[in-house]
C-alpha atoms as a PDB file:
ATOM      1  CA  MET A   1      34.244 -15.665 -24.304  1.00  0.00           C
ATOM      2  CA  ALA A   2      34.256 -15.599 -28.088  1.00  0.00           C
ATOM      3  CA  ASP A   3      33.463 -18.584 -30.316  1.00  0.00           C
ATOM      4  CA  ARG A   4      31.162 -20.249 -27.789  1.00  0.00           C
ATOM      5  CA  LEU A   5      28.629 -20.885 -30.547  1.00  0.00           C
ATOM      6  CA  ASN A   6      30.965 -22.129 -33.271  1.00  0.00           C
ATOM      7  CA  GLY A   7      29.298 -24.751 -35.442  1.00  0.00           C
ATOM      8  CA  THR A   8      25.757 -23.901 -34.378  1.00  0.00           C
ATOM      9  CA  ARG A   9      22.907 -22.512 -36.447  1.00  0.00           C
ATOM     10  CA  ILE A  10      20.667 -20.136 -34.497  1.00  0.00           C
ATOM     11  CA  LEU A  11      17.288 -19.041 -35.807  1.00  0.00           C
ATOM     12  CA  ILE A  12      16.179 -15.557 -34.801  1.00  0.00           C
ATOM     13  CA  LEU A  13      12.834 -14.017 -35.657  1.00  0.00           C
ATOM     14  CA  GLU A  14      13.506 -10.462 -36.663  1.00  0.00           C
ATOM     15  CA  THR A  15      11.540  -7.654 -35.083  1.00  0.00           C
ATOM     16  CA  ARG A  16      12.855  -4.423 -33.567  1.00  0.00           C
ATOM     17  CA  GLU A  17      16.259  -5.153 -32.061  1.00  0.00           C
ATOM     18  CA  GLU A  18      17.280  -8.351 -33.812  1.00  0.00           C
ATOM     19  CA  ALA A  19      20.004  -6.637 -35.866  1.00  0.00           C
ATOM     20  CA  GLN A  20      21.894  -6.146 -32.617  1.00  0.00           C
ATOM     21  CA  PHE A  21      21.037  -9.660 -31.460  1.00  0.00           C
ATOM     22  CA  SER A  22      22.292 -11.126 -34.745  1.00  0.00           C
ATOM     23  CA  LYS A  23      25.579  -9.233 -34.369  1.00  0.00           C
ATOM     24  CA  LEU A  24      26.079 -10.510 -30.823  1.00  0.00           C
ATOM     25  CA  LEU A  25      25.406 -14.110 -31.884  1.00  0.00           C
ATOM     26  CA  ALA A  26      27.728 -13.850 -34.885  1.00  0.00           C
ATOM     27  CA  GLU A  27      30.478 -12.517 -32.613  1.00  0.00           C
ATOM     28  CA  GLN A  28      30.194 -15.804 -30.689  1.00  0.00           C
ATOM     29  CA  GLY A  29      30.680 -17.797 -33.879  1.00  0.00           C
ATOM     30  CA  ALA A  30      27.056 -18.707 -34.607  1.00  0.00           C
ATOM     31  CA  ASP A  31      25.678 -19.123 -38.096  1.00  0.00           C
ATOM     32  CA  VAL A  32      22.662 -16.840 -37.691  1.00  0.00           C
ATOM     33  CA  VAL A  33      19.522 -17.625 -39.684  1.00  0.00           C
ATOM     34  CA  GLN A  34      17.341 -14.518 -39.793  1.00  0.00           C
ATOM     35  CA  CYS A  35      13.607 -14.735 -40.359  1.00  0.00           C
ATOM     36  CA  PRO A  36      11.737 -11.426 -40.788  1.00  0.00           C
ATOM     37  CA  MET A  37       8.422 -11.788 -38.947  1.00  0.00           C
ATOM     38  CA  PHE A  38       6.674  -8.530 -39.717  1.00  0.00           C
ATOM     39  CA  THR A  39       7.296  -4.917 -40.548  1.00  0.00           C
ATOM     40  CA  ILE A  40       6.565  -2.118 -38.114  1.00  0.00           C
ATOM     41  CA  HIS A  41       4.812   0.925 -39.540  1.00  0.00           C
ATOM     42  CA  ASP A  42       3.742   4.224 -38.054  1.00  0.00           C
ATOM     43  CA  ALA A  43       0.042   4.374 -37.220  1.00  0.00           C
ATOM     44  CA  PRO A  44      -1.736   4.701 -40.602  1.00  0.00           C
ATOM     45  CA  ASP A  45      -3.657   7.712 -39.302  1.00  0.00           C
ATOM     46  CA  PRO A  46      -1.253   9.997 -37.435  1.00  0.00           C
ATOM     47  CA  ALA A  47      -4.015  12.369 -36.292  1.00  0.00           C
ATOM     48  CA  PRO A  48      -4.882  10.536 -33.035  1.00  0.00           C
ATOM     49  CA  VAL A  49      -1.186  10.238 -32.145  1.00  0.00           C
ATOM     50  CA  GLU A  50      -0.589  13.930 -32.836  1.00  0.00           C
ATOM     51  CA  ALA A  51      -3.659  14.837 -30.785  1.00  0.00           C
ATOM     52  CA  TRP A  52      -2.295  12.769 -27.882  1.00  0.00           C
ATOM     53  CA  ILE A  53       1.062  14.550 -28.164  1.00  0.00           C
ATOM     54  CA  ARG A  54      -0.637  17.941 -28.098  1.00  0.00           C
ATOM     55  CA  ARG A  55      -2.741  16.978 -25.068  1.00  0.00           C
ATOM     56  CA  ALA A  56       0.423  15.873 -23.294  1.00  0.00           C
ATOM     57  CA  ILE A  57       2.048  19.222 -24.059  1.00  0.00           C
ATOM     58  CA  ASP A  58      -0.958  21.416 -23.255  1.00  0.00           C
ATOM     59  CA  LYS A  59      -1.588  19.703 -19.928  1.00  0.00           C
ATOM     60  CA  PRO A  60       1.230  17.352 -18.892  1.00  0.00           C
ATOM     61  CA  PHE A  61       0.137  13.963 -17.626  1.00  0.00           C
ATOM     62  CA  ASP A  62       0.476  13.226 -13.945  1.00  0.00           C
ATOM     63  CA  ASP A  63       1.722   9.772 -14.879  1.00  0.00           C
ATOM     64  CA  LEU A  64       3.106   8.198 -18.058  1.00  0.00           C
ATOM     65  CA  VAL A  65       3.124   4.426 -18.645  1.00  0.00           C
ATOM     66  CA  LEU A  66       5.236   3.112 -21.519  1.00  0.00           C
ATOM     67  CA  LEU A  67       4.795  -0.497 -22.603  1.00  0.00           C
ATOM     68  CA  THR A  68       7.455  -0.563 -25.363  1.00  0.00           C
ATOM     69  CA  GLY A  69      10.519   1.394 -26.377  1.00  0.00           C
ATOM     70  CA  GLU A  70       9.300   1.282 -29.976  1.00  0.00           C
ATOM     71  CA  GLY A  71       6.171   3.142 -28.931  1.00  0.00           C
ATOM     72  CA  LEU A  72       8.028   6.112 -27.480  1.00  0.00           C
ATOM     73  CA  ARG A  73      10.370   6.255 -30.471  1.00  0.00           C
ATOM     74  CA  ARG A  74       7.404   6.366 -32.864  1.00  0.00           C
ATOM     75  CA  ILE A  75       5.771   9.103 -30.785  1.00  0.00           C
ATOM     76  CA  MET A  76       8.987  11.113 -30.825  1.00  0.00           C
ATOM     77  CA  LYS A  77       9.356  10.589 -34.581  1.00  0.00           C
ATOM     78  CA  LEU A  78       5.974  12.203 -35.189  1.00  0.00           C
ATOM     79  CA  ALA A  79       6.714  14.923 -32.644  1.00  0.00           C
ATOM     80  CA  VAL A  80       9.918  15.804 -34.515  1.00  0.00           C
ATOM     81  CA  ALA A  81       8.016  15.914 -37.821  1.00  0.00           C
ATOM     82  CA  ARG A  82       5.500  18.343 -36.294  1.00  0.00           C
ATOM     83  CA  GLY A  83       8.143  20.439 -34.533  1.00  0.00           C
ATOM     84  CA  LEU A  84       6.797  19.357 -31.145  1.00  0.00           C
ATOM     85  CA  ASP A  85       9.667  17.237 -29.848  1.00  0.00           C
ATOM     86  CA  GLN A  86      11.178  19.718 -27.398  1.00  0.00           C
ATOM     87  CA  PRO A  87       7.821  20.803 -25.926  1.00  0.00           C
ATOM     88  CA  LEU A  88       6.877  17.107 -25.580  1.00  0.00           C
ATOM     89  CA  VAL A  89      10.090  16.166 -23.774  1.00  0.00           C
ATOM     90  CA  THR A  90       9.637  19.156 -21.462  1.00  0.00           C
ATOM     91  CA  ALA A  91       6.074  18.054 -20.707  1.00  0.00           C
ATOM     92  CA  LEU A  92       7.000  14.396 -20.131  1.00  0.00           C
ATOM     93  CA  ALA A  93       9.719  15.476 -17.726  1.00  0.00           C
ATOM     94  CA  LYS A  94       6.939  16.675 -15.411  1.00  0.00           C
ATOM     95  CA  SER A  95       5.216  13.260 -15.315  1.00  0.00           C
ATOM     96  CA  ARG A  96       5.960  10.270 -13.140  1.00  0.00           C
ATOM     97  CA  LYS A  97       7.182   7.699 -15.637  1.00  0.00           C
ATOM     98  CA  PHE A  98       6.650   3.933 -15.427  1.00  0.00           C
ATOM     99  CA  THR A  99       7.938   1.313 -17.860  1.00  0.00           C
ATOM    100  CA  ARG A 100       7.219  -2.315 -18.685  1.00  0.00           C
ATOM    101  CA  GLY A 101      10.717  -3.715 -18.500  1.00  0.00           C
ATOM    102  CA  PRO A 102      14.019  -2.104 -19.499  1.00  0.00           C
ATOM    103  CA  LYS A 103      13.426  -1.326 -23.191  1.00  0.00           C
ATOM    104  CA  PRO A 104      11.059   1.645 -22.692  1.00  0.00           C
ATOM    105  CA  GLY A 105      13.493   2.938 -20.076  1.00  0.00           C
ATOM    106  CA  LYS A 106      16.247   2.897 -22.690  1.00  0.00           C
ATOM    107  CA  ALA A 107      14.025   4.860 -25.083  1.00  0.00           C
ATOM    108  CA  LEU A 108      13.370   7.413 -22.345  1.00  0.00           C
ATOM    109  CA  ARG A 109      17.078   7.876 -21.754  1.00  0.00           C
ATOM    110  CA  GLU A 110      17.530   8.547 -25.469  1.00  0.00           C
ATOM    111  CA  VAL A 111      15.528  11.766 -24.976  1.00  0.00           C
ATOM    112  CA  GLY A 112      17.181  12.644 -21.683  1.00  0.00           C
ATOM    113  CA  LEU A 113      14.493  11.300 -19.347  1.00  0.00           C
ATOM    114  CA  GLU A 114      14.441   8.591 -16.684  1.00  0.00           C
ATOM    115  CA  ALA A 115      11.752   6.203 -15.495  1.00  0.00           C
ATOM    116  CA  GLN A 116      10.753   6.511 -11.851  1.00  0.00           C
ATOM    117  CA  GLN A 117       9.900   2.810 -11.701  1.00  0.00           C
ATOM    118  CA  THR A 118      10.215  -0.283 -13.896  1.00  0.00           C
ATOM    119  CA  THR A 119       8.297  -3.523 -13.586  1.00  0.00           C
ATOM    120  CA  GLU A 120      10.096  -6.427 -11.967  1.00  0.00           C
ATOM    121  CA  LYS A 121       8.548  -8.612 -14.671  1.00  0.00           C
ATOM    122  CA  PRO A 122       8.274  -7.194 -18.220  1.00  0.00           C
ATOM    123  CA  THR A 123       4.637  -8.256 -18.620  1.00  0.00           C
ATOM    124  CA  THR A 124       1.219  -6.611 -18.560  1.00  0.00           C
ATOM    125  CA  GLU A 125       0.545  -8.379 -15.279  1.00  0.00           C
ATOM    126  CA  GLY A 126       3.740  -6.851 -13.930  1.00  0.00           C
ATOM    127  CA  VAL A 127       2.526  -3.381 -14.931  1.00  0.00           C
ATOM    128  CA  ILE A 128      -0.837  -3.956 -13.234  1.00  0.00           C
ATOM    129  CA  GLU A 129       0.920  -5.147 -10.082  1.00  0.00           C
ATOM    130  CA  MET A 130       3.320  -2.187 -10.061  1.00  0.00           C
ATOM    131  CA  LEU A 131       0.629   0.438 -10.626  1.00  0.00           C
ATOM    132  CA  GLY A 132      -1.775  -1.300  -8.246  1.00  0.00           C
ATOM    133  CA  LYS A 133       0.397  -0.147  -5.350  1.00  0.00           C
ATOM    134  CA  LEU A 134      -0.049   3.525  -6.265  1.00  0.00           C
ATOM    135  CA  GLU A 135      -2.791   6.044  -5.557  1.00  0.00           C
ATOM    136  CA  LEU A 136      -4.114   6.948  -9.010  1.00  0.00           C
ATOM    137  CA  LYS A 137      -7.551   8.324  -8.235  1.00  0.00           C
ATOM    138  CA  GLY A 138      -8.177  11.486 -10.228  1.00  0.00           C
ATOM    139  CA  ARG A 139      -4.744  11.430 -11.878  1.00  0.00           C
ATOM    140  CA  ARG A 140      -4.332  11.921 -15.637  1.00  0.00           C
ATOM    141  CA  LEU A 141      -2.392   8.955 -16.950  1.00  0.00           C
ATOM    142  CA  GLY A 142      -0.865   8.732 -20.425  1.00  0.00           C
ATOM    143  CA  LEU A 143      -0.695   5.117 -21.593  1.00  0.00           C
ATOM    144  CA  GLN A 144       1.285   3.973 -24.645  1.00  0.00           C
ATOM    145  CA  LEU A 145      -0.053   0.726 -26.073  1.00  0.00           C
ATOM    146  CA  TYR A 146       1.311  -1.728 -28.645  1.00  0.00           C
ATOM    147  CA  PRO A 147      -0.446  -3.657 -31.460  1.00  0.00           C
ATOM    148  CA  ASP A 148      -1.965  -7.134 -31.559  1.00  0.00           C
ATOM    149  CA  LYS A 149      -2.775  -7.234 -27.867  1.00  0.00           C
ATOM    150  CA  ASP A 150      -6.011  -6.918 -25.918  1.00  0.00           C
ATOM    151  CA  HIS A 151      -5.155  -4.306 -23.301  1.00  0.00           C
ATOM    152  CA  GLY A 152      -8.531  -4.518 -21.581  1.00  0.00           C
ATOM    153  CA  ALA A 153      -7.128  -5.991 -18.363  1.00  0.00           C
ATOM    154  CA  LEU A 154      -4.676  -3.118 -17.972  1.00  0.00           C
ATOM    155  CA  THR A 155      -7.038  -0.285 -18.878  1.00  0.00           C
ATOM    156  CA  GLY A 156      -9.741  -1.856 -16.695  1.00  0.00           C
ATOM    157  CA  ALA A 157      -7.412  -2.074 -13.715  1.00  0.00           C
ATOM    158  CA  LEU A 158      -6.374   1.564 -14.131  1.00  0.00           C
ATOM    159  CA  ALA A 159      -9.974   2.712 -14.460  1.00  0.00           C
ATOM    160  CA  ALA A 160     -10.875   0.754 -11.325  1.00  0.00           C
ATOM    161  CA  GLN A 161      -8.182   2.702  -9.471  1.00  0.00           C
ATOM    162  CA  GLY A 162      -9.810   5.948 -10.571  1.00  0.00           C
ATOM    163  CA  ALA A 163      -7.201   7.027 -13.108  1.00  0.00           C
ATOM    164  CA  ASP A 164      -8.200   9.192 -16.070  1.00  0.00           C
ATOM    165  CA  VAL A 165      -6.516   7.126 -18.798  1.00  0.00           C
ATOM    166  CA  ASP A 166      -5.468   8.719 -22.106  1.00  0.00           C
ATOM    167  CA  SER A 167      -4.070   5.970 -24.367  1.00  0.00           C
ATOM    168  CA  VAL A 168      -2.208   6.081 -27.667  1.00  0.00           C
ATOM    169  CA  LEU A 169      -1.271   3.391 -30.214  1.00  0.00           C
ATOM    170  CA  PRO A 170       1.582   4.847 -32.262  1.00  0.00           C
ATOM    171  CA  TYR A 171       2.454   1.936 -34.552  1.00  0.00           C
ATOM    172  CA  VAL A 172       1.068  -1.148 -36.289  1.00  0.00           C
ATOM    173  CA  TYR A 173       2.399  -4.487 -37.495  1.00  0.00           C
ATOM    174  CA  ASP A 174       2.308  -5.709 -41.093  1.00  0.00           C
ATOM    175  CA  SER A 175       2.793  -9.442 -40.827  1.00  0.00           C
ATOM    176  CA  LYS A 176       1.255 -11.151 -43.855  1.00  0.00           C
ATOM    177  CA  ALA A 177       4.100 -10.336 -46.238  1.00  0.00           C
ATOM    178  CA  ALA A 178       6.497 -12.301 -44.027  1.00  0.00           C
ATOM    179  CA  ASP A 179       4.569 -15.588 -43.957  1.00  0.00           C
ATOM    180  CA  ALA A 180       6.815 -17.170 -46.612  1.00  0.00           C
ATOM    181  CA  ASN A 181       9.887 -16.479 -44.450  1.00  0.00           C
ATOM    182  CA  ILE A 182       8.245 -18.143 -41.473  1.00  0.00           C
ATOM    183  CA  ILE A 183       7.258 -21.252 -43.396  1.00  0.00           C
ATOM    184  CA  THR A 184      10.831 -21.615 -44.656  1.00  0.00           C
ATOM    185  CA  ALA A 185      12.089 -21.353 -41.072  1.00  0.00           C
ATOM    186  CA  ILE A 186       9.592 -24.006 -39.962  1.00  0.00           C
ATOM    187  CA  ASP A 187      10.841 -26.309 -42.728  1.00  0.00           C
ATOM    188  CA  ASP A 188      14.442 -25.731 -41.624  1.00  0.00           C
ATOM    189  CA  MET A 189      13.620 -26.732 -38.042  1.00  0.00           C
ATOM    190  CA  ALA A 190      11.592 -29.768 -39.104  1.00  0.00           C
ATOM    191  CA  GLU A 191      14.449 -30.976 -41.301  1.00  0.00           C
ATOM    192  CA  GLY A 192      17.043 -30.563 -38.559  1.00  0.00           C
ATOM    193  CA  ARG A 193      18.921 -27.619 -40.007  1.00  0.00           C
ATOM    194  CA  ILE A 194      18.553 -25.434 -36.882  1.00  0.00           C
ATOM    195  CA  ASP A 195      20.240 -26.037 -33.518  1.00  0.00           C
ATOM    196  CA  SER A 196      18.346 -23.414 -31.515  1.00  0.00           C
ATOM    197  CA  ILE A 197      15.576 -20.874 -31.926  1.00  0.00           C
ATOM    198  CA  ALA A 198      15.974 -17.701 -29.844  1.00  0.00           C
ATOM    199  CA  LEU A 199      12.755 -15.913 -28.891  1.00  0.00           C
ATOM    200  CA  THR A 200      12.917 -12.360 -27.562  1.00  0.00           C
ATOM    201  CA  ASN A 201       9.258 -11.325 -27.428  1.00  0.00           C
ATOM    202  CA  LEU A 202       5.935 -13.096 -27.099  1.00  0.00           C
ATOM    203  CA  GLY A 203       4.672 -11.735 -30.432  1.00  0.00           C
ATOM    204  CA  GLN A 204       7.165 -14.013 -32.156  1.00  0.00           C
ATOM    205  CA  VAL A 205       5.533 -17.084 -30.628  1.00  0.00           C
ATOM    206  CA  ARG A 206       2.093 -15.927 -31.733  1.00  0.00           C
ATOM    207  CA  ARG A 207       3.285 -15.224 -35.252  1.00  0.00           C
ATOM    208  CA  LEU A 208       4.884 -18.658 -35.558  1.00  0.00           C
ATOM    209  CA  ILE A 209       1.660 -20.349 -34.493  1.00  0.00           C
ATOM    210  CA  GLU A 210      -0.596 -18.133 -36.620  1.00  0.00           C
ATOM    211  CA  ALA A 211       1.487 -18.513 -39.779  1.00  0.00           C
ATOM    212  CA  ALA A 212       1.828 -22.271 -39.277  1.00  0.00           C
ATOM    213  CA  LYS A 213      -1.945 -22.672 -38.865  1.00  0.00           C
ATOM    214  CA  ALA A 214      -2.681 -20.467 -41.870  1.00  0.00           C
ATOM    215  CA  HIS A 215      -0.467 -22.600 -44.099  1.00  0.00           C
ATOM    216  CA  GLY A 216      -1.286 -26.035 -42.700  1.00  0.00           C
ATOM    217  CA  SER A 217       2.153 -26.374 -41.094  1.00  0.00           C
ATOM    218  CA  GLU A 218       1.331 -26.508 -37.386  1.00  0.00           C
ATOM    219  CA  ALA A 219       2.229 -30.189 -37.035  1.00  0.00           C
ATOM    220  CA  LYS A 220       5.508 -29.561 -38.849  1.00  0.00           C
ATOM    221  CA  LEU A 221       6.231 -26.584 -36.558  1.00  0.00           C
ATOM    222  CA  ARG A 222       5.685 -28.642 -33.429  1.00  0.00           C
ATOM    223  CA  ALA A 223       7.817 -31.465 -34.799  1.00  0.00           C
ATOM    224  CA  GLY A 224      10.574 -29.002 -35.621  1.00  0.00           C
ATOM    225  CA  LEU A 225      10.472 -27.446 -32.175  1.00  0.00           C
ATOM    226  CA  GLU A 226      10.741 -30.905 -30.618  1.00  0.00           C
ATOM    227  CA  ARG A 227      14.197 -31.295 -32.136  1.00  0.00           C
ATOM    228  CA  THR A 228      15.314 -27.668 -31.641  1.00  0.00           C
ATOM    229  CA  LEU A 229      16.605 -26.013 -28.465  1.00  0.00           C
ATOM    230  CA  ILE A 230      14.035 -23.350 -27.521  1.00  0.00           C
ATOM    231  CA  ALA A 231      15.603 -20.294 -25.869  1.00  0.00           C
ATOM    232  CA  SER A 232      13.362 -17.686 -24.225  1.00  0.00           C
ATOM    233  CA  VAL A 233      14.503 -14.250 -23.083  1.00  0.00           C
ATOM    234  CA  GLY A 234      12.125 -14.180 -20.112  1.00  0.00           C
ATOM    235  CA  PRO A 235       8.789 -14.986 -18.454  1.00  0.00           C
ATOM    236  CA  ALA A 236       6.526 -13.233 -20.970  1.00  0.00           C
ATOM    237  CA  VAL A 237       7.888 -15.350 -23.817  1.00  0.00           C
ATOM    238  CA  SER A 238       7.952 -18.534 -21.737  1.00  0.00           C
ATOM    239  CA  GLY A 239       4.362 -17.924 -20.660  1.00  0.00           C
ATOM    240  CA  GLU A 240       3.261 -17.554 -24.259  1.00  0.00           C
ATOM    241  CA  LEU A 241       5.080 -20.754 -25.218  1.00  0.00           C
ATOM    242  CA  ALA A 242       3.358 -22.610 -22.363  1.00  0.00           C
ATOM    243  CA  ALA A 243      -0.022 -21.228 -23.446  1.00  0.00           C
ATOM    244  CA  HIS A 244       0.476 -23.038 -26.754  1.00  0.00           C
ATOM    245  CA  GLY A 245       1.684 -26.247 -25.136  1.00  0.00           C
ATOM    246  CA  LEU A 246       5.332 -25.550 -25.941  1.00  0.00           C
ATOM    247  CA  ARG A 247       8.312 -25.816 -23.622  1.00  0.00           C
ATOM    248  CA  THR A 248      11.167 -23.491 -22.765  1.00  0.00           C
ATOM    249  CA  ASP A 249      14.560 -25.189 -22.737  1.00  0.00           C
ATOM    250  CA  VAL A 250      16.741 -22.288 -21.607  1.00  0.00           C
ATOM    251  CA  SER A 251      16.350 -18.731 -20.382  1.00  0.00           C
ATOM    252  CA  PRO A 252      18.769 -16.229 -18.809  1.00  0.00           C
ATOM    253  CA  ALA A 253      20.007 -16.927 -15.307  1.00  0.00           C
ATOM    254  CA  ASP A 254      19.281 -14.682 -12.331  1.00  0.00           C
ATOM    255  CA  GLU A 255      16.279 -13.017 -14.004  1.00  0.00           C
ATOM    256  CA  ALA A 256      18.634 -11.097 -16.339  1.00  0.00           C
ATOM    257  CA  TYR A 257      16.201 -10.774 -19.218  1.00  0.00           C
ATOM    258  CA  PHE A 258      18.596  -9.400 -21.811  1.00  0.00           C
ATOM    259  CA  MET A 259      20.292 -10.583 -24.985  1.00  0.00           C
ATOM    260  CA  ARG A 260      23.793 -11.256 -23.644  1.00  0.00           C
ATOM    261  CA  PRO A 261      22.612 -13.413 -20.707  1.00  0.00           C
ATOM    262  CA  LEU A 262      20.313 -15.252 -23.134  1.00  0.00           C
ATOM    263  CA  ILE A 263      23.277 -15.977 -25.407  1.00  0.00           C
ATOM    264  CA  SER A 264      25.274 -17.277 -22.435  1.00  0.00           C
ATOM    265  CA  ALA A 265      22.437 -19.604 -21.467  1.00  0.00           C
ATOM    266  CA  MET A 266      22.150 -20.869 -25.042  1.00  0.00           C
ATOM    267  CA  ALA A 267      25.886 -21.465 -25.319  1.00  0.00           C
ATOM    268  CA  ALA A 268      25.941 -23.493 -22.103  1.00  0.00           C
ATOM    269  CA  ALA A 269      22.944 -25.582 -23.141  1.00  0.00           C
ATOM    270  CA  LEU A 270      24.179 -26.212 -26.680  1.00  0.00           C
ATOM    271  CA  ALA A 271      27.592 -27.263 -25.369  1.00  0.00           C
ATOM    272  CA  GLU A 272      25.871 -30.077 -23.448  1.00  0.00           C
ATOM    273  CA  ARG A 273      23.877 -31.305 -26.423  1.00  0.00           C
ATOM    274  CA  LYS A 274      25.120 -33.564 -29.147  1.00  0.00           C
ATOM    275  CA  PRO A 275      24.889 -31.971 -32.597  1.00  0.00           C
ATOM    276  CA  ARG A 276      21.304 -32.358 -33.739  1.00  0.00           C
ATOM    277  CA  THR A 277      21.447 -30.831 -37.183  1.00  0.00           C
ATOM    278  CA  THR A 278      21.598 -33.160 -40.157  1.00  0.00           C
ATOM    279  CA  ALA A 279      21.809 -30.982 -43.248  1.00  0.00           C
ATOM    280  CA  ARG A 280      23.668 -27.752 -43.772  1.00  0.00           C
END
């Protein structure tokens, strides 16, 4: 139903797919406040990524584990630049493919491939649980990682199962340039100019906290969040919020961890709240 969010100001923290999210919110009548959090760049040294691609082609992995859709897209971008995209897709077609949540599965479909299995929960713990049920001893396993995360628990679990893990980190975050945007967003929440903040990945929570601490605004951030509806797309985000002593007000129903169900949950919750914003 259109116009469910008329008269509301929704803060979104821009990362990979927030252009689509912003469009969906605007279609519902929301005044979307966009806050760029960081820029994603290709790995500064492409040599290790290219070497991983060539290993995958020369001797296809038995298993492939993708943690993010962005990771596969960055790998394919380099493969195209090196003229290796078709050989890589052919090689990956021979592997069993496992994904952390639906986004890597979408990236696979973009190159004509399908995941054999997806985690029930889009978290590292969900990946460990999913792979823990498999026999991996002696199997070559390609593992795509993402930045700003200690992946020791995952790689340790795979090694304990006897897998021969070959990991790749195909992109990096550049976050410092965006600190000014984050501080402005914190001020907006603290001054009551935001009705809801919508969080779609746990890195956004970390960035909010880190930027607030770096600029002496943590108390203001927490005060702002107290008066703002906090919407989380799923358990990974909610877990990160809880780790910092923050609550989750709404999340999608029926474990539908996607943007449209999140918007529906926000609309229902905001409809029950009295307007909390003071200045426009």
